[in-house]
Amino acid sequence: MVRIEKSIEIKSLPEKVWEMLALDRWIEWMEGWKSVEYTSEVYTLKDKYKVGAAAHITEKHAGIEFDFEITESLKNDKIAFRSNKYKMFRSFILKPTETGTTVTTVFEYTSPYSVLGKIVDKMGGMRIAKKETEKSLEKLKNILEK
């Protein structure tokens, strides 16, 4: 399993960061995402953050598609998602600071490829995933600090 963990300081309140963690808001800042469509019933804003809320995601690269489901949700504190198709897990932890919020994301995945594919993934795919994670956090920061 590949594990990527990154943190960034954002000069914005945890409540404002939290608003950007609804899956349909990721399209604004998540590097490589093309579209997000909820597959669970979403009637209110609160529904977007509840455990069990799910969405179908299409990435820009090679049109990879997967579903993410919320597995943990503590308002303004932590939210976690999983995708069974690619054995992915992503979480965001928000910690208030004197000047804003420290956002820490953990992204874990298991390559769905053969042994050779997994070696190639570790050499290139992991590097791309790290770079996209860093770019995404920077985009999130830029949006929230405007």
Foldseek 3Di string as FASTA:
>chain_A
DDKDKDKDFAQAALQVLLLCPQVQNLVQQQPFWDGKAWPDDDDDSVLSQDFQTKIWTFGPPPRDIWMWTWHDGDRSAKTKIATPVFGKIKMWGWDADPRHTMIMMMIDTDGPDDPVVNVVCVVPVSVVVNVSVVRSVVSSRVVRRD
